[in-house]
C-alpha atoms as a PDB file:
ATOM      1  CA  UNK A   1       0.169   2.851 -15.981  1.00  0.00           C
ATOM      2  CA  UNK A   2       1.311  -0.595 -17.038  1.00  0.00           C
ATOM      3  CA  UNK A   3      -0.844  -2.755 -19.296  1.00  0.00           C
ATOM      4  CA  UNK A   4      -4.408  -2.463 -18.017  1.00  0.00           C
ATOM      5  CA  UNK A   5      -3.309  -1.447 -14.484  1.00  0.00           C
ATOM      6  CA  UNK A   6      -3.456   2.241 -13.643  1.00  0.00           C
ATOM      7  CA  UNK A   7      -2.685   4.011 -10.364  1.00  0.00           C
ATOM      8  CA  UNK A   8      -4.139   7.500 -10.080  1.00  0.00           C
ATOM      9  CA  UNK A   9      -4.755  10.168  -7.480  1.00  0.00           C
ATOM     10  CA  UNK A  10      -7.859   9.995  -5.310  1.00  0.00           C
ATOM     11  CA  UNK A  11     -10.403  12.779  -5.846  1.00  0.00           C
ATOM     12  CA  UNK A  12     -13.336  13.842  -3.661  1.00  0.00           C
ATOM     13  CA  UNK A  13     -15.771  12.720  -6.366  1.00  0.00           C
ATOM     14  CA  UNK A  14     -14.370   9.157  -5.994  1.00  0.00           C
ATOM     15  CA  UNK A  15     -15.978   8.827  -2.542  1.00  0.00           C
ATOM     16  CA  UNK A  16     -19.159   7.109  -3.819  1.00  0.00           C
ATOM     17  CA  UNK A  17     -17.304   4.510  -5.889  1.00  0.00           C
ATOM     18  CA  UNK A  18     -14.842   3.874  -3.069  1.00  0.00           C
ATOM     19  CA  UNK A  19     -17.647   3.537  -0.525  1.00  0.00           C
ATOM     20  CA  UNK A  20     -19.479   0.996  -2.686  1.00  0.00           C
ATOM     21  CA  UNK A  21     -16.278  -1.003  -3.119  1.00  0.00           C
ATOM     22  CA  UNK A  22     -15.417  -0.954   0.593  1.00  0.00           C
ATOM     23  CA  UNK A  23     -18.935  -1.722   1.810  1.00  0.00           C
ATOM     24  CA  UNK A  24     -19.351  -4.435  -0.817  1.00  0.00           C
ATOM     25  CA  UNK A  25     -16.206  -6.197   0.410  1.00  0.00           C
ATOM     26  CA  UNK A  26     -16.535  -5.797   4.210  1.00  0.00           C
ATOM     27  CA  UNK A  27     -15.797  -9.441   5.062  1.00  0.00           C
ATOM     28  CA  UNK A  28     -12.617  -9.372   2.966  1.00  0.00           C
ATOM     29  CA  UNK A  29     -11.304  -6.011   4.238  1.00  0.00           C
ATOM     30  CA  UNK A  30     -12.424  -5.734   7.858  1.00  0.00           C
ATOM     31  CA  UNK A  31      -9.845  -8.127   9.413  1.00  0.00           C
ATOM     32  CA  UNK A  32      -7.041  -5.832   8.167  1.00  0.00           C
ATOM     33  CA  UNK A  33      -8.523  -2.363   8.765  1.00  0.00           C
ATOM     34  CA  UNK A  34      -7.199  -0.066  11.449  1.00  0.00           C
ATOM     35  CA  UNK A  35      -9.609   0.564  14.318  1.00  0.00           C
ATOM     36  CA  UNK A  36      -9.914   3.364  16.842  1.00  0.00           C
ATOM     37  CA  UNK A  37      -9.056   2.099  20.341  1.00  0.00           C
ATOM     38  CA  UNK A  38     -10.921   4.994  21.998  1.00  0.00           C
ATOM     39  CA  UNK A  39     -13.858   5.759  19.772  1.00  0.00           C
ATOM     40  CA  UNK A  40     -16.281   4.798  17.080  1.00  0.00           C
ATOM     41  CA  UNK A  41     -15.239   2.521  14.255  1.00  0.00           C
ATOM     42  CA  UNK A  42     -18.054   3.509  11.921  1.00  0.00           C
ATOM     43  CA  UNK A  43     -16.905   4.044   8.357  1.00  0.00           C
ATOM     44  CA  UNK A  44     -17.285   7.579   7.015  1.00  0.00           C
ATOM     45  CA  UNK A  45     -15.802   7.316   3.527  1.00  0.00           C
ATOM     46  CA  UNK A  46     -16.430  10.964   2.613  1.00  0.00           C
ATOM     47  CA  UNK A  47     -14.558  12.135   5.727  1.00  0.00           C
ATOM     48  CA  UNK A  48     -11.766   9.624   5.060  1.00  0.00           C
ATOM     49  CA  UNK A  49     -11.376  10.889   1.479  1.00  0.00           C
ATOM     50  CA  UNK A  50     -11.357  14.521   2.687  1.00  0.00           C
ATOM     51  CA  UNK A  51      -8.652  13.651   5.232  1.00  0.00           C
ATOM     52  CA  UNK A  52      -6.507  11.835   2.678  1.00  0.00           C
ATOM     53  CA  UNK A  53      -6.803  14.722   0.209  1.00  0.00           C
ATOM     54  CA  UNK A  54      -5.899  17.174   2.999  1.00  0.00           C
ATOM     55  CA  UNK A  55      -2.727  15.140   3.677  1.00  0.00           C
ATOM     56  CA  UNK A  56      -1.910  15.227  -0.039  1.00  0.00           C
ATOM     57  CA  UNK A  57      -2.361  19.005  -0.134  1.00  0.00           C
ATOM     58  CA  UNK A  58       0.127  19.254   2.759  1.00  0.00           C
ATOM     59  CA  UNK A  59       2.556  16.974   0.848  1.00  0.00           C
ATOM     60  CA  UNK A  60       2.385  14.428   3.695  1.00  0.00           C
ATOM     61  CA  UNK A  61       0.531  11.704   1.812  1.00  0.00           C
ATOM     62  CA  UNK A  62      -0.451  10.489  -1.614  1.00  0.00           C
ATOM     63  CA  UNK A  63      -3.850   8.767  -1.754  1.00  0.00           C
ATOM     64  CA  UNK A  64      -4.267   6.624  -4.853  1.00  0.00           C
ATOM     65  CA  UNK A  65      -6.857   4.416  -6.488  1.00  0.00           C
ATOM     66  CA  UNK A  66      -6.041   1.306  -8.477  1.00  0.00           C
ATOM     67  CA  UNK A  67      -7.944   0.796 -11.726  1.00  0.00           C
ATOM     68  CA  UNK A  68      -8.088  -2.086 -14.176  1.00  0.00           C
ATOM     69  CA  UNK A  69      -9.567  -1.198 -17.558  1.00  0.00           C
ATOM     70  CA  UNK A  70     -10.961   1.998 -15.995  1.00  0.00           C
ATOM     71  CA  UNK A  71     -12.718   0.206 -13.108  1.00  0.00           C
ATOM     72  CA  UNK A  72     -11.704   1.104  -9.538  1.00  0.00           C
ATOM     73  CA  UNK A  73     -10.681  -2.159  -7.864  1.00  0.00           C
ATOM     74  CA  UNK A  74      -8.556  -1.085  -4.900  1.00  0.00           C
ATOM     75  CA  UNK A  75      -6.698   1.587  -3.035  1.00  0.00           C
ATOM     76  CA  UNK A  76      -3.065   2.395  -2.347  1.00  0.00           C
ATOM     77  CA  UNK A  77      -2.098   5.073   0.145  1.00  0.00           C
ATOM     78  CA  UNK A  78       1.306   6.623   0.602  1.00  0.00           C
ATOM     79  CA  UNK A  79       1.613   8.085   4.100  1.00  0.00           C
ATOM     80  CA  UNK A  80       4.218   9.661   6.352  1.00  0.00           C
ATOM     81  CA  UNK A  81       6.082  11.277   3.475  1.00  0.00           C
ATOM     82  CA  UNK A  82       9.256  12.863   4.793  1.00  0.00           C
ATOM     83  CA  UNK A  83      11.675  14.850   2.671  1.00  0.00           C
ATOM     84  CA  UNK A  84      15.230  16.023   3.147  1.00  0.00           C
ATOM     85  CA  UNK A  85      17.650  13.881   5.114  1.00  0.00           C
ATOM     86  CA  UNK A  86      15.014  11.163   5.732  1.00  0.00           C
ATOM     87  CA  UNK A  87      13.431  10.967   2.263  1.00  0.00           C
ATOM     88  CA  UNK A  88      10.968   8.197   3.036  1.00  0.00           C
ATOM     89  CA  UNK A  89       7.347   7.121   2.873  1.00  0.00           C
ATOM     90  CA  UNK A  90       5.117   4.222   3.934  1.00  0.00           C
ATOM     91  CA  UNK A  91       2.732   2.395   1.570  1.00  0.00           C
ATOM     92  CA  UNK A  92      -0.491   0.623   2.496  1.00  0.00           C
ATOM     93  CA  UNK A  93      -2.825  -1.120   0.054  1.00  0.00           C
ATOM     94  CA  UNK A  94      -5.880  -3.287  -0.513  1.00  0.00           C
ATOM     95  CA  UNK A  95      -7.662  -4.825  -3.489  1.00  0.00           C
ATOM     96  CA  UNK A  96     -11.130  -6.246  -4.100  1.00  0.00           C
ATOM     97  CA  UNK A  97     -11.126 -10.048  -3.717  1.00  0.00           C
ATOM     98  CA  UNK A  98     -12.118 -10.722  -7.325  1.00  0.00           C
ATOM     99  CA  UNK A  99      -8.862  -9.118  -8.493  1.00  0.00           C
ATOM    100  CA  UNK A 100      -6.460 -10.610  -5.958  1.00  0.00           C
ATOM    101  CA  UNK A 101      -3.772 -13.024  -7.115  1.00  0.00           C
ATOM    102  CA  UNK A 102      -3.495 -11.579 -10.644  1.00  0.00           C
ATOM    103  CA  UNK A 103      -0.296  -9.524 -10.164  1.00  0.00           C
ATOM    104  CA  UNK A 104      -2.323  -6.303 -10.138  1.00  0.00           C
ATOM    105  CA  UNK A 105      -1.214  -5.263  -6.653  1.00  0.00           C
ATOM    106  CA  UNK A 106       2.512  -5.956  -7.199  1.00  0.00           C
ATOM    107  CA  UNK A 107       2.257  -3.919 -10.410  1.00  0.00           C
ATOM    108  CA  UNK A 108       0.485  -1.046  -8.621  1.00  0.00           C
ATOM    109  CA  UNK A 109       3.003  -1.058  -5.768  1.00  0.00           C
ATOM    110  CA  UNK A 110       5.931  -1.148  -8.223  1.00  0.00           C
ATOM    111  CA  UNK A 111       4.494   1.777 -10.207  1.00  0.00           C
ATOM    112  CA  UNK A 112       4.089   3.746  -6.982  1.00  0.00           C
ATOM    113  CA  UNK A 113       7.564   2.932  -5.639  1.00  0.00           C
ATOM    114  CA  UNK A 114       9.080   4.024  -8.959  1.00  0.00           C
ATOM    115  CA  UNK A 115       7.151   7.306  -8.782  1.00  0.00           C
ATOM    116  CA  UNK A 116       8.188   7.943  -5.176  1.00  0.00           C
ATOM    117  CA  UNK A 117      11.856   7.227  -5.829  1.00  0.00           C
ATOM    118  CA  UNK A 118      12.443   8.362  -9.407  1.00  0.00           C
ATOM    119  CA  UNK A 119      10.010  11.297  -9.639  1.00  0.00           C
ATOM    120  CA  UNK A 120       9.594  12.562  -6.076  1.00  0.00           C
ATOM    121  CA  UNK A 121      13.212  11.817  -5.186  1.00  0.00           C
ATOM    122  CA  UNK A 122      12.574   9.800  -2.019  1.00  0.00           C
ATOM    123  CA  UNK A 123      15.246   7.382  -0.833  1.00  0.00           C
ATOM    124  CA  UNK A 124      13.286   4.720   1.073  1.00  0.00           C
ATOM    125  CA  UNK A 125       9.825   3.132   0.867  1.00  0.00           C
ATOM    126  CA  UNK A 126       8.421   0.989   3.669  1.00  0.00           C
ATOM    127  CA  UNK A 127       5.495  -1.437   3.841  1.00  0.00           C
ATOM    128  CA  UNK A 128       4.203  -2.858   7.136  1.00  0.00           C
ATOM    129  CA  UNK A 129       2.059  -6.029   7.121  1.00  0.00           C
ATOM    130  CA  UNK A 130       0.414  -8.172   9.762  1.00  0.00           C
ATOM    131  CA  UNK A 131       2.085 -11.615   9.938  1.00  0.00           C
ATOM    132  CA  UNK A 132      -1.281 -13.293   9.262  1.00  0.00           C
ATOM    133  CA  UNK A 133      -1.907 -11.403   6.005  1.00  0.00           C
ATOM    134  CA  UNK A 134      -0.529 -13.956   3.542  1.00  0.00           C
ATOM    135  CA  UNK A 135      -1.825 -12.138   0.437  1.00  0.00           C
ATOM    136  CA  UNK A 136      -0.102  -8.851   1.316  1.00  0.00           C
ATOM    137  CA  UNK A 137       3.076 -10.679   2.299  1.00  0.00           C
ATOM    138  CA  UNK A 138       3.105 -12.284  -1.142  1.00  0.00           C
ATOM    139  CA  UNK A 139       3.122  -8.809  -2.749  1.00  0.00           C
ATOM    140  CA  UNK A 140       6.325  -7.713  -0.983  1.00  0.00           C
ATOM    141  CA  UNK A 141       7.852 -11.116  -1.641  1.00  0.00           C
ATOM    142  CA  UNK A 142       7.152 -10.890  -5.383  1.00  0.00           C
ATOM    143  CA  UNK A 143       8.757  -7.438  -5.455  1.00  0.00           C
ATOM    144  CA  UNK A 144      11.796  -8.389  -3.381  1.00  0.00           C
ATOM    145  CA  UNK A 145      11.226  -6.025  -0.471  1.00  0.00           C
ATOM    146  CA  UNK A 146      13.817  -6.519   2.269  1.00  0.00           C
ATOM    147  CA  UNK A 147      12.530  -7.751   5.664  1.00  0.00           C
ATOM    148  CA  UNK A 148      13.586  -5.359   8.427  1.00  0.00           C
ATOM    149  CA  UNK A 149      11.978  -6.844  11.518  1.00  0.00           C
ATOM    150  CA  UNK A 150       8.804  -6.884  13.586  1.00  0.00           C
ATOM    151  CA  UNK A 151       7.046  -3.810  14.963  1.00  0.00           C
ATOM    152  CA  UNK A 152       5.348  -4.923  18.181  1.00  0.00           C
ATOM    153  CA  UNK A 153       1.810  -3.619  18.788  1.00  0.00           C
ATOM    154  CA  UNK A 154       2.213  -1.265  15.826  1.00  0.00           C
ATOM    155  CA  UNK A 155      -1.373  -0.598  14.662  1.00  0.00           C
ATOM    156  CA  UNK A 156      -4.736  -1.059  16.396  1.00  0.00           C
ATOM    157  CA  UNK A 157      -6.726  -3.516  14.243  1.00  0.00           C
ATOM    158  CA  UNK A 158      -9.832  -5.552  15.054  1.00  0.00           C
ATOM    159  CA  UNK A 159      -9.895  -4.504  18.694  1.00  0.00           C
ATOM    160  CA  UNK A 160      -6.226  -4.940  19.659  1.00  0.00           C
ATOM    161  CA  UNK A 161      -2.714  -3.622  19.010  1.00  0.00           C
ATOM    162  CA  UNK A 162      -1.271  -5.873  16.296  1.00  0.00           C
ATOM    163  CA  UNK A 163       2.295  -6.727  15.406  1.00  0.00           C
ATOM    164  CA  UNK A 164       3.465  -5.974  11.869  1.00  0.00           C
ATOM    165  CA  UNK A 165       6.382  -7.183   9.806  1.00  0.00           C
ATOM    166  CA  UNK A 166       8.306  -4.285   8.315  1.00  0.00           C
ATOM    167  CA  UNK A 167       9.735  -4.345   4.774  1.00  0.00           C
ATOM    168  CA  UNK A 168      11.612  -1.696   2.787  1.00  0.00           C
ATOM    169  CA  UNK A 169      13.461  -0.845  -0.392  1.00  0.00           C
ATOM    170  CA  UNK A 170      15.881   1.999  -0.988  1.00  0.00           C
ATOM    171  CA  UNK A 171      16.656   3.891  -4.169  1.00  0.00           C
ATOM    172  CA  UNK A 172      19.991   2.049  -4.380  1.00  0.00           C
ATOM    173  CA  UNK A 173      18.140  -1.278  -4.571  1.00  0.00           C
ATOM    174  CA  UNK A 174      15.884  -0.265  -7.485  1.00  0.00           C
ATOM    175  CA  UNK A 175      18.070   1.962  -9.656  1.00  0.00           C
ATOM    176  CA  UNK A 176      16.634   0.573 -12.892  1.00  0.00           C
ATOM    177  CA  UNK A 177      13.060   0.734 -11.597  1.00  0.00           C
ATOM    178  CA  UNK A 178      11.103  -1.724  -9.498  1.00  0.00           C
ATOM    179  CA  UNK A 179       8.490  -2.299 -12.211  1.00  0.00           C
ATOM    180  CA  UNK A 180      11.206  -3.136 -14.762  1.00  0.00           C
ATOM    181  CA  UNK A 181      12.792  -5.558 -12.324  1.00  0.00           C
ATOM    182  CA  UNK A 182       9.435  -7.206 -11.569  1.00  0.00           C
ATOM    183  CA  UNK A 183       8.345  -7.477 -15.210  1.00  0.00           C
ATOM    184  CA  UNK A 184      11.684  -9.001 -16.227  1.00  0.00           C
ATOM    185  CA  UNK A 185      11.478 -11.500 -13.356  1.00  0.00           C
ATOM    186  CA  UNK A 186      14.740 -10.269 -11.865  1.00  0.00           C
ATOM    187  CA  UNK A 187      13.518 -10.161  -8.274  1.00  0.00           C
ATOM    188  CA  UNK A 188      15.773 -12.237  -6.060  1.00  0.00           C
ATOM    189  CA  UNK A 189      13.938 -14.482  -3.588  1.00  0.00           C
ATOM    190  CA  UNK A 190      14.336 -12.523  -0.339  1.00  0.00           C
ATOM    191  CA  UNK A 191      14.357 -15.659   1.917  1.00  0.00           C
ATOM    192  CA  UNK A 192      12.413 -14.170   4.812  1.00  0.00           C
ATOM    193  CA  UNK A 193      13.446 -15.457   8.246  1.00  0.00           C
ATOM    194  CA  UNK A 194       9.807 -15.903   9.303  1.00  0.00           C
ATOM    195  CA  UNK A 195       9.294 -18.466   6.505  1.00  0.00           C
ATOM    196  CA  UNK A 196      10.636 -21.651   8.068  1.00  0.00           C
END
């Protein structure tokens, strides 16, 4: 928790609140949601929550909700957690439109990265973002994530395989904590090559 921003674990009883938030913000979220290239794309929030909790129980994922003043306003999922010689994870996130642009998401991501690196002992955290998603790109930029390249046809979204920019940080890059670095304004402008 930092200020009024809290990141907490997803529980099965959160399904109703999460469903209302997702369904109430379809136009905002749908362009960025993964789709199934060979099946139905109907949303089953209860099944999604069960699946995310199952991954958490297997120590493969960490599904989180983002709250501001106790109100659920977004979601942050840690996936593909690998331990040992790899020590890495991938973060994905979204926020309700009324809360975007207020430094809530960079704070939530920083809190999560600090937990993954300093509590769970992971070495590397990755975030993959579609080139068209300016709001999500701004989050990694504010936090100083390093650009690693483009993953071609990485995730099926909105009916096609979409390219994603890949960003990462390692434990060596955030020894004093990513949140501390962000709050103190010590993030160095990463100068991304795709920004002409």
